[in-house]
Amino acid sequence: MTPRHVFLAAACTAALAACATPTTPSAPAPSASKAGPDAPRVLVFSRTAGFRHDSIPVAIETLKMLGAQAGIAVDASEDAALFDDATLATYTAVVFNSTTREVLDASQQAAFERYMEAGGGFMGVHAAADSGYTWPWYGDLVGAWFARHPEGLQSVRVVFEGDAGPDGAREWQVTDEIYDYRRNPRPRVRVTASIDPASHPDGRMGDDHPIAWCHRNAGGPAWYTGLGHDPALYADPVFRAQLLRGLEFTTGRRAEC
C-alpha cells in the first residue's frame, strides 16, 4: 500500500473537524467544473484575510478552462473548513490563488501538512506568497514569502530556465506586479523562471530574481509563480501555458515542472 493510499484509508476513519475563520465570507460548497470520474481533481482556494486581488475571479475561470483542456476537474471555494483529512483526500492538488495573510487555523494547517506529506500537490499563484507568515512550514512550501513590490505594474523580461518555456521559448516580455521576496528560494527549489534584473531597475533582489519555481521538499509536488496580479495577464498565452504546466506538475500529469 502506497503512502497516499494509507492516507486515504486513515482519512475515512479519522477526519479532523475544522472551522473557517471569520475573515471573509465562505462558500457552503465548492463550485465544480465537469470532468470524468477518474480525472485528477484540484481545489482552487482563494480565501483572503488581507488585500484582495481583482484577478481572483479570472484566475479561477482560467484554471477551470485549462483544467478542462487537460482533463483535470477544478473546484473553487473560499471555505477553510474543507481543509480536513477526509476532504483533502478527495483532491490531487490544491491551488492557493492569491490568498493573503492567515487563511487557515491550526487544525486546518496540520491537515494540509499531512496531505502534502502523503503526496498531495500544491500550486501557488501570485499572493500565495503573501500568506501564512505565522506558519513556518508554509513558508518553506511556497518557497519564499513576499517582501515588497514597486508601485504600479512593471514591464520586465522573464527568462525561462531549463525547458520551462512554452514551445521552447527562452524569454518573455511581461507587464505585471513584480514581487521581491524575503529570501532567494534558489538553494531550496528548482527555479523555472527569473526576472532579468537589467529590465527591472526597481527590483531589490540583486542579480538573481526568481519568479517561478517548484520542488518536492514537503512530500508531494509544489509549484509557484509570482505572476498573476493583473487580470489582463490571464489572457496571455504564455502565462496560460505556465499555469497549465503547474496544474500538470502538481497533479502528476508531468514529471518535471
C-alpha atoms as a PDB file:
ATOM      1  CA  MET A   1       0.000   0.000   0.000  1.00  0.00           C
ATOM      2  CA  THR A   2       1.410   3.395  -1.015  1.00  0.00           C
ATOM      3  CA  PRO A   3       1.687   6.275   1.491  1.00  0.00           C
ATOM      4  CA  ARG A   4      -1.146   8.056  -0.298  1.00  0.00           C
ATOM      5  CA  HIS A   5      -3.424   5.012  -0.030  1.00  0.00           C
ATOM      6  CA  VAL A   6      -2.614   4.763   3.661  1.00  0.00           C
ATOM      7  CA  PHE A   7      -3.520   8.432   3.999  1.00  0.00           C
ATOM      8  CA  LEU A   8      -6.822   7.939   2.153  1.00  0.00           C
ATOM      9  CA  ALA A   9      -7.778   4.991   4.322  1.00  0.00           C
ATOM     10  CA  ALA A  10      -6.920   6.794   7.520  1.00  0.00           C
ATOM     11  CA  ALA A  11      -8.799   9.880   6.410  1.00  0.00           C
ATOM     12  CA  CYS A  12     -12.029   7.948   6.042  1.00  0.00           C
ATOM     13  CA  THR A  13     -11.948   6.814   9.656  1.00  0.00           C
ATOM     14  CA  ALA A  14     -10.311   9.718  11.473  1.00  0.00           C
ATOM     15  CA  ALA A  15     -11.201  13.051   9.826  1.00  0.00           C
ATOM     16  CA  LEU A  16     -10.403  16.132  11.889  1.00  0.00           C
ATOM     17  CA  ALA A  17     -13.101  18.773  12.437  1.00  0.00           C
ATOM     18  CA  ALA A  18     -12.155  22.267  11.343  1.00  0.00           C
ATOM     19  CA  CYS A  19     -13.795  25.690  11.341  1.00  0.00           C
ATOM     20  CA  ALA A  20     -13.446  28.582   8.902  1.00  0.00           C
ATOM     21  CA  THR A  21     -12.071  31.754  10.424  1.00  0.00           C
ATOM     22  CA  PRO A  22     -14.466  34.697  10.015  1.00  0.00           C
ATOM     23  CA  THR A  23     -12.154  36.866   7.948  1.00  0.00           C
ATOM     24  CA  THR A  24     -14.022  36.548   4.633  1.00  0.00           C
ATOM     25  CA  PRO A  25     -17.360  35.066   3.570  1.00  0.00           C
ATOM     26  CA  SER A  26     -17.042  31.349   2.919  1.00  0.00           C
ATOM     27  CA  ALA A  27     -18.867  29.289   0.342  1.00  0.00           C
ATOM     28  CA  PRO A  28     -21.035  26.412   1.609  1.00  0.00           C
ATOM     29  CA  ALA A  29     -19.602  24.090  -1.021  1.00  0.00           C
ATOM     30  CA  PRO A  30     -17.056  24.306  -3.816  1.00  0.00           C
ATOM     31  CA  SER A  31     -18.196  25.265  -7.292  1.00  0.00           C
ATOM     32  CA  ALA A  32     -17.143  22.484  -9.620  1.00  0.00           C
ATOM     33  CA  SER A  33     -16.143  22.077 -13.247  1.00  0.00           C
ATOM     34  CA  LYS A  34     -17.036  18.977 -15.221  1.00  0.00           C
ATOM     35  CA  ALA A  35     -14.569  16.154 -15.833  1.00  0.00           C
ATOM     36  CA  GLY A  36     -14.568  12.377 -15.965  1.00  0.00           C
ATOM     37  CA  PRO A  37     -14.958  10.385 -12.730  1.00  0.00           C
ATOM     38  CA  ASP A  38     -11.328   9.260 -12.815  1.00  0.00           C
ATOM     39  CA  ALA A  39      -9.869  12.701 -13.592  1.00  0.00           C
ATOM     40  CA  PRO A  40      -7.461  14.338 -11.149  1.00  0.00           C
ATOM     41  CA  ARG A  41      -9.361  16.842  -9.008  1.00  0.00           C
ATOM     42  CA  VAL A  42      -7.963  20.199  -7.935  1.00  0.00           C
ATOM     43  CA  LEU A  43      -9.266  22.628  -5.304  1.00  0.00           C
ATOM     44  CA  VAL A  44      -8.683  26.313  -6.060  1.00  0.00           C
ATOM     45  CA  PHE A  45      -8.667  28.083  -2.683  1.00  0.00           C
ATOM     46  CA  SER A  46      -8.947  31.881  -2.792  1.00  0.00           C
ATOM     47  CA  ARG A  47      -9.594  32.940   0.806  1.00  0.00           C
ATOM     48  CA  THR A  48      -8.181  36.339   1.783  1.00  0.00           C
ATOM     49  CA  ALA A  49      -7.573  37.931   5.165  1.00  0.00           C
ATOM     50  CA  GLY A  50      -5.664  40.914   3.785  1.00  0.00           C
ATOM     51  CA  PHE A  51      -5.514  42.579   0.367  1.00  0.00           C
ATOM     52  CA  ARG A  52      -7.931  41.029  -2.107  1.00  0.00           C
ATOM     53  CA  HIS A  53      -6.816  40.850  -5.733  1.00  0.00           C
ATOM     54  CA  ASP A  54      -9.174  41.747  -8.566  1.00  0.00           C
ATOM     55  CA  SER A  55      -7.603  38.891 -10.530  1.00  0.00           C
ATOM     56  CA  ILE A  56      -9.048  36.160  -8.291  1.00  0.00           C
ATOM     57  CA  PRO A  57     -12.238  35.526 -10.351  1.00  0.00           C
ATOM     58  CA  VAL A  58     -10.454  35.477 -13.722  1.00  0.00           C
ATOM     59  CA  ALA A  59      -7.762  33.204 -12.262  1.00  0.00           C
ATOM     60  CA  ILE A  60     -10.456  30.729 -11.178  1.00  0.00           C
ATOM     61  CA  GLU A  61     -12.106  30.756 -14.593  1.00  0.00           C
ATOM     62  CA  THR A  62      -8.751  30.381 -16.346  1.00  0.00           C
ATOM     63  CA  LEU A  63      -7.747  27.429 -14.178  1.00  0.00           C
ATOM     64  CA  LYS A  64     -11.114  25.792 -14.855  1.00  0.00           C
ATOM     65  CA  MET A  65     -10.669  26.253 -18.606  1.00  0.00           C
ATOM     66  CA  LEU A  66      -7.110  24.921 -18.522  1.00  0.00           C
ATOM     67  CA  GLY A  67      -8.227  22.013 -16.369  1.00  0.00           C
ATOM     68  CA  ALA A  68     -10.957  21.100 -18.825  1.00  0.00           C
ATOM     69  CA  GLN A  69      -8.380  21.233 -21.616  1.00  0.00           C
ATOM     70  CA  ALA A  70      -6.126  18.814 -19.722  1.00  0.00           C
ATOM     71  CA  GLY A  71      -8.823  16.509 -18.322  1.00  0.00           C
ATOM     72  CA  ILE A  72      -8.425  17.855 -14.770  1.00  0.00           C
ATOM     73  CA  ALA A  73     -11.503  18.650 -12.671  1.00  0.00           C
ATOM     74  CA  VAL A  74     -11.279  22.018 -10.930  1.00  0.00           C
ATOM     75  CA  ASP A  75     -13.386  23.095  -7.941  1.00  0.00           C
ATOM     76  CA  ALA A  76     -13.256  26.566  -6.377  1.00  0.00           C
ATOM     77  CA  SER A  77     -14.018  27.603  -2.805  1.00  0.00           C
ATOM     78  CA  GLU A  78     -13.051  30.012  -0.029  1.00  0.00           C
ATOM     79  CA  ASP A  79     -14.247  27.669   2.719  1.00  0.00           C
ATOM     80  CA  ALA A  80     -11.330  26.858   5.038  1.00  0.00           C
ATOM     81  CA  ALA A  81     -13.417  24.062   6.617  1.00  0.00           C
ATOM     82  CA  LEU A  82     -12.566  21.980   3.531  1.00  0.00           C
ATOM     83  CA  PHE A  83      -9.061  21.606   4.973  1.00  0.00           C
ATOM     84  CA  ASP A  84      -9.653  18.394   6.898  1.00  0.00           C
ATOM     85  CA  ASP A  85      -8.195  14.961   6.200  1.00  0.00           C
ATOM     86  CA  ALA A  86     -11.301  13.464   4.584  1.00  0.00           C
ATOM     87  CA  THR A  87     -11.986  16.365   2.202  1.00  0.00           C
ATOM     88  CA  LEU A  88      -8.376  16.950   1.185  1.00  0.00           C
ATOM     89  CA  ALA A  89      -8.060  13.248   0.387  1.00  0.00           C
ATOM     90  CA  THR A  90     -10.523  13.772  -2.484  1.00  0.00           C
ATOM     91  CA  TYR A  91      -8.156  16.247  -4.204  1.00  0.00           C
ATOM     92  CA  THR A  92      -4.998  15.535  -6.163  1.00  0.00           C
ATOM     93  CA  ALA A  93      -3.743  19.104  -5.692  1.00  0.00           C
ATOM     94  CA  VAL A  94      -4.712  22.376  -4.017  1.00  0.00           C
ATOM     95  CA  VAL A  95      -4.146  25.823  -5.552  1.00  0.00           C
ATOM     96  CA  PHE A  96      -3.659  28.830  -3.264  1.00  0.00           C
ATOM     97  CA  ASN A  97      -4.994  31.514  -5.595  1.00  0.00           C
ATOM     98  CA  SER A  98      -3.710  34.899  -4.354  1.00  0.00           C
ATOM     99  CA  THR A  99      -4.575  34.066  -0.772  1.00  0.00           C
ATOM    100  CA  THR A 100      -3.436  36.708   1.720  1.00  0.00           C
ATOM    101  CA  ARG A 101      -2.394  36.614   5.378  1.00  0.00           C
ATOM    102  CA  GLU A 102      -3.631  33.901   7.750  1.00  0.00           C
ATOM    103  CA  VAL A 103      -6.309  31.853   5.984  1.00  0.00           C
ATOM    104  CA  LEU A 104      -6.214  28.541   7.918  1.00  0.00           C
ATOM    105  CA  ASP A 105      -6.415  27.788  11.634  1.00  0.00           C
ATOM    106  CA  ALA A 106      -4.032  25.421  13.422  1.00  0.00           C
ATOM    107  CA  SER A 107      -6.023  22.233  12.811  1.00  0.00           C
ATOM    108  CA  GLN A 108      -6.525  23.091   9.143  1.00  0.00           C
ATOM    109  CA  GLN A 109      -2.819  23.785   8.772  1.00  0.00           C
ATOM    110  CA  ALA A 110      -1.982  20.411  10.329  1.00  0.00           C
ATOM    111  CA  ALA A 111      -4.364  18.632   7.949  1.00  0.00           C
ATOM    112  CA  PHE A 112      -2.743  20.321   4.954  1.00  0.00           C
ATOM    113  CA  GLU A 113       0.725  19.352   6.168  1.00  0.00           C
ATOM    114  CA  ARG A 114      -0.384  15.710   6.407  1.00  0.00           C
ATOM    115  CA  TYR A 115      -1.908  15.972   2.930  1.00  0.00           C
ATOM    116  CA  MET A 116       1.352  17.185   1.412  1.00  0.00           C
ATOM    117  CA  GLU A 117       3.440  14.617   3.305  1.00  0.00           C
ATOM    118  CA  ALA A 118       1.214  11.899   1.831  1.00  0.00           C
ATOM    119  CA  GLY A 119       1.878  13.072  -1.727  1.00  0.00           C
ATOM    120  CA  GLY A 120      -0.733  15.762  -2.349  1.00  0.00           C
ATOM    121  CA  GLY A 121       0.125  18.639  -4.664  1.00  0.00           C
ATOM    122  CA  PHE A 122       0.371  22.390  -4.023  1.00  0.00           C
ATOM    123  CA  MET A 123       0.216  25.199  -6.578  1.00  0.00           C
ATOM    124  CA  GLY A 124       0.658  28.823  -5.529  1.00  0.00           C
ATOM    125  CA  VAL A 125      -0.309  31.809  -7.657  1.00  0.00           C
ATOM    126  CA  HIS A 126       0.998  35.345  -7.016  1.00  0.00           C
ATOM    127  CA  ALA A 127      -0.086  36.380  -3.493  1.00  0.00           C
ATOM    128  CA  ALA A 128       0.092  32.810  -2.232  1.00  0.00           C
ATOM    129  CA  ALA A 129       3.494  34.117  -1.104  1.00  0.00           C
ATOM    130  CA  ASP A 130       1.677  36.779   0.968  1.00  0.00           C
ATOM    131  CA  SER A 131       0.084  34.150   3.226  1.00  0.00           C
ATOM    132  CA  GLY A 132       0.886  32.107   6.307  1.00  0.00           C
ATOM    133  CA  TYR A 133       3.507  34.368   7.873  1.00  0.00           C
ATOM    134  CA  THR A 134       2.984  32.701  11.266  1.00  0.00           C
ATOM    135  CA  TRP A 135       3.267  29.201   9.727  1.00  0.00           C
ATOM    136  CA  PRO A 136       6.939  28.379   9.058  1.00  0.00           C
ATOM    137  CA  TRP A 137       6.119  25.110   7.265  1.00  0.00           C
ATOM    138  CA  TYR A 138       4.079  27.058   4.723  1.00  0.00           C
ATOM    139  CA  GLY A 139       6.925  29.480   4.134  1.00  0.00           C
ATOM    140  CA  ASP A 140       9.062  26.529   3.085  1.00  0.00           C
ATOM    141  CA  LEU A 141       6.228  25.092   0.979  1.00  0.00           C
ATOM    142  CA  VAL A 142       5.611  28.263  -1.032  1.00  0.00           C
ATOM    143  CA  GLY A 143       9.388  28.724  -1.253  1.00  0.00           C
ATOM    144  CA  ALA A 144       9.707  32.373  -0.256  1.00  0.00           C
ATOM    145  CA  TRP A 145       7.484  34.958   1.367  1.00  0.00           C
ATOM    146  CA  PHE A 146       6.593  38.290  -0.218  1.00  0.00           C
ATOM    147  CA  ALA A 147       8.717  41.272   0.859  1.00  0.00           C
ATOM    148  CA  ARG A 148       7.656  44.229  -1.319  1.00  0.00           C
ATOM    149  CA  HIS A 149       6.810  45.371  -4.820  1.00  0.00           C
ATOM    150  CA  PRO A 150       7.303  48.662  -6.650  1.00  0.00           C
ATOM    151  CA  GLU A 151       4.347  50.978  -7.179  1.00  0.00           C
ATOM    152  CA  GLY A 152       2.048  50.047 -10.057  1.00  0.00           C
ATOM    153  CA  LEU A 153       2.798  47.495 -12.757  1.00  0.00           C
ATOM    154  CA  GLN A 154       6.254  46.810 -14.173  1.00  0.00           C
ATOM    155  CA  SER A 155       7.249  45.751 -17.678  1.00  0.00           C
ATOM    156  CA  VAL A 156      10.063  43.228 -17.328  1.00  0.00           C
ATOM    157  CA  ARG A 157      11.882  40.494 -19.207  1.00  0.00           C
ATOM    158  CA  VAL A 158      11.246  36.992 -17.870  1.00  0.00           C
ATOM    159  CA  VAL A 159      13.939  34.414 -18.620  1.00  0.00           C
ATOM    160  CA  PHE A 160      12.880  30.769 -18.646  1.00  0.00           C
ATOM    161  CA  GLU A 161      15.305  28.248 -17.206  1.00  0.00           C
ATOM    162  CA  GLY A 162      15.779  24.707 -18.478  1.00  0.00           C
ATOM    163  CA  ASP A 163      12.850  23.602 -20.622  1.00  0.00           C
ATOM    164  CA  ALA A 164      10.244  25.582 -18.670  1.00  0.00           C
ATOM    165  CA  GLY A 165       9.411  27.998 -21.507  1.00  0.00           C
ATOM    166  CA  PRO A 166       6.371  27.121 -23.660  1.00  0.00           C
ATOM    167  CA  ASP A 167       7.260  25.911 -27.155  1.00  0.00           C
ATOM    168  CA  GLY A 168      10.951  26.282 -26.407  1.00  0.00           C
ATOM    169  CA  ALA A 169      10.711  29.992 -25.588  1.00  0.00           C
ATOM    170  CA  ARG A 170      13.699  31.344 -23.679  1.00  0.00           C
ATOM    171  CA  GLU A 171      12.338  34.771 -22.714  1.00  0.00           C
ATOM    172  CA  TRP A 172       9.083  36.678 -22.392  1.00  0.00           C
ATOM    173  CA  GLN A 173       8.286  40.371 -22.027  1.00  0.00           C
ATOM    174  CA  VAL A 174       5.519  40.725 -19.449  1.00  0.00           C
ATOM    175  CA  THR A 175       3.735  43.523 -17.599  1.00  0.00           C
ATOM    176  CA  ASP A 176       2.590  42.706 -14.084  1.00  0.00           C
ATOM    177  CA  GLU A 177       3.207  43.494 -10.426  1.00  0.00           C
ATOM    178  CA  ILE A 178       6.637  42.013  -9.691  1.00  0.00           C
ATOM    179  CA  TYR A 179       7.341  40.753  -6.191  1.00  0.00           C
ATOM    180  CA  ASP A 180      10.589  40.911  -4.308  1.00  0.00           C
ATOM    181  CA  TYR A 181      10.878  38.075  -1.775  1.00  0.00           C
ATOM    182  CA  ARG A 182      12.262  37.902   1.750  1.00  0.00           C
ATOM    183  CA  ARG A 183      14.826  35.353   0.646  1.00  0.00           C
ATOM    184  CA  ASN A 184      16.099  33.905  -2.600  1.00  0.00           C
ATOM    185  CA  PRO A 185      14.481  30.450  -2.886  1.00  0.00           C
ATOM    186  CA  ARG A 186      17.006  29.081  -5.397  1.00  0.00           C
ATOM    187  CA  PRO A 187      19.068  26.992  -2.911  1.00  0.00           C
ATOM    188  CA  ARG A 188      15.933  25.037  -1.925  1.00  0.00           C
ATOM    189  CA  VAL A 189      13.934  24.787  -5.167  1.00  0.00           C
ATOM    190  CA  ARG A 190      14.232  24.342  -8.922  1.00  0.00           C
ATOM    191  CA  VAL A 191      13.809  27.800 -10.426  1.00  0.00           C
ATOM    192  CA  THR A 192      11.900  27.716 -13.719  1.00  0.00           C
ATOM    193  CA  ALA A 193      11.772  31.434 -14.499  1.00  0.00           C
ATOM    194  CA  SER A 194      13.523  34.562 -13.281  1.00  0.00           C
ATOM    195  CA  ILE A 195      13.416  38.295 -13.893  1.00  0.00           C
ATOM    196  CA  ASP A 196      16.261  39.833 -15.872  1.00  0.00           C
ATOM    197  CA  PRO A 197      17.479  42.398 -13.295  1.00  0.00           C
ATOM    198  CA  ALA A 198      18.558  44.762 -16.071  1.00  0.00           C
ATOM    199  CA  SER A 199      14.906  45.027 -17.105  1.00  0.00           C
ATOM    200  CA  HIS A 200      13.706  45.729 -13.554  1.00  0.00           C
ATOM    201  CA  PRO A 201      15.621  48.662 -12.056  1.00  0.00           C
ATOM    202  CA  ASP A 202      13.130  48.945  -9.167  1.00  0.00           C
ATOM    203  CA  GLY A 203      13.717  45.362  -8.022  1.00  0.00           C
ATOM    204  CA  ARG A 204      15.756  44.659  -4.895  1.00  0.00           C
ATOM    205  CA  MET A 205      16.661  41.015  -5.388  1.00  0.00           C
ATOM    206  CA  GLY A 206      20.090  41.741  -6.822  1.00  0.00           C
ATOM    207  CA  ASP A 207      21.487  39.779  -9.751  1.00  0.00           C
ATOM    208  CA  ASP A 208      19.237  36.737  -9.205  1.00  0.00           C
ATOM    209  CA  HIS A 209      15.480  37.320  -9.075  1.00  0.00           C
ATOM    210  CA  PRO A 210      13.484  34.056  -9.293  1.00  0.00           C
ATOM    211  CA  ILE A 211       9.798  34.480 -10.119  1.00  0.00           C
ATOM    212  CA  ALA A 212       8.627  30.859 -10.622  1.00  0.00           C
ATOM    213  CA  TRP A 213       9.857  27.566  -9.171  1.00  0.00           C
ATOM    214  CA  CYS A 214       8.985  24.067  -7.997  1.00  0.00           C
ATOM    215  CA  HIS A 215      10.142  21.426  -5.511  1.00  0.00           C
ATOM    216  CA  ARG A 216       9.144  18.247  -3.679  1.00  0.00           C
ATOM    217  CA  ASN A 217      10.548  19.157  -0.271  1.00  0.00           C
ATOM    218  CA  ALA A 218       7.218  18.735   1.540  1.00  0.00           C
ATOM    219  CA  GLY A 219       6.459  15.282   0.126  1.00  0.00           C
ATOM    220  CA  GLY A 220       4.230  15.975  -2.848  1.00  0.00           C
ATOM    221  CA  PRO A 221       4.890  18.294  -5.804  1.00  0.00           C
ATOM    222  CA  ALA A 222       4.843  22.045  -5.112  1.00  0.00           C
ATOM    223  CA  TRP A 223       4.834  24.751  -7.784  1.00  0.00           C
ATOM    224  CA  TYR A 224       4.655  28.558  -7.570  1.00  0.00           C
ATOM    225  CA  THR A 225       4.503  31.569  -9.873  1.00  0.00           C
ATOM    226  CA  GLY A 226       4.838  35.128  -8.611  1.00  0.00           C
ATOM    227  CA  LEU A 227       2.929  36.431 -11.628  1.00  0.00           C
ATOM    228  CA  GLY A 228      -0.843  36.843 -11.805  1.00  0.00           C
ATOM    229  CA  HIS A 229      -1.656  40.194 -10.190  1.00  0.00           C
ATOM    230  CA  ASP A 230      -3.072  41.839 -13.321  1.00  0.00           C
ATOM    231  CA  PRO A 231      -6.360  40.296 -14.553  1.00  0.00           C
ATOM    232  CA  ALA A 232      -5.310  41.044 -18.140  1.00  0.00           C
ATOM    233  CA  LEU A 233      -2.339  38.698 -17.823  1.00  0.00           C
ATOM    234  CA  TYR A 234      -4.631  35.656 -17.769  1.00  0.00           C
ATOM    235  CA  ALA A 235      -5.350  36.183 -21.478  1.00  0.00           C
ATOM    236  CA  ASP A 236      -1.639  35.917 -22.299  1.00  0.00           C
ATOM    237  CA  PRO A 237      -0.951  32.532 -23.944  1.00  0.00           C
ATOM    238  CA  VAL A 238       2.493  32.299 -22.345  1.00  0.00           C
ATOM    239  CA  PHE A 239       1.082  32.789 -18.855  1.00  0.00           C
ATOM    240  CA  ARG A 240      -1.720  30.340 -19.557  1.00  0.00           C
ATOM    241  CA  ALA A 241       0.862  27.791 -20.677  1.00  0.00           C
ATOM    242  CA  GLN A 242       2.779  28.391 -17.442  1.00  0.00           C
ATOM    243  CA  LEU A 243      -0.360  27.829 -15.345  1.00  0.00           C
ATOM    244  CA  LEU A 244      -1.213  24.675 -17.293  1.00  0.00           C
ATOM    245  CA  ARG A 245       2.270  23.368 -16.639  1.00  0.00           C
ATOM    246  CA  GLY A 246       1.738  23.987 -12.927  1.00  0.00           C
ATOM    247  CA  LEU A 247      -1.562  22.094 -12.972  1.00  0.00           C
ATOM    248  CA  GLU A 248       0.009  19.183 -14.810  1.00  0.00           C
ATOM    249  CA  PHE A 249       3.017  19.003 -12.497  1.00  0.00           C
ATOM    250  CA  THR A 250       1.054  19.165  -9.263  1.00  0.00           C
ATOM    251  CA  THR A 251      -1.456  16.541 -10.424  1.00  0.00           C
ATOM    252  CA  GLY A 252       1.180  14.098 -11.635  1.00  0.00           C
ATOM    253  CA  ARG A 253       0.484  14.620 -15.338  1.00  0.00           C
ATOM    254  CA  ARG A 254       4.002  15.979 -15.821  1.00  0.00           C
ATOM    255  CA  ALA A 255       7.105  14.534 -14.149  1.00  0.00           C
ATOM    256  CA  GLU A 256       9.130  17.753 -14.341  1.00  0.00           C
ATOM    257  CA  CYS A 257       7.937  21.273 -13.713  1.00  0.00           C
END
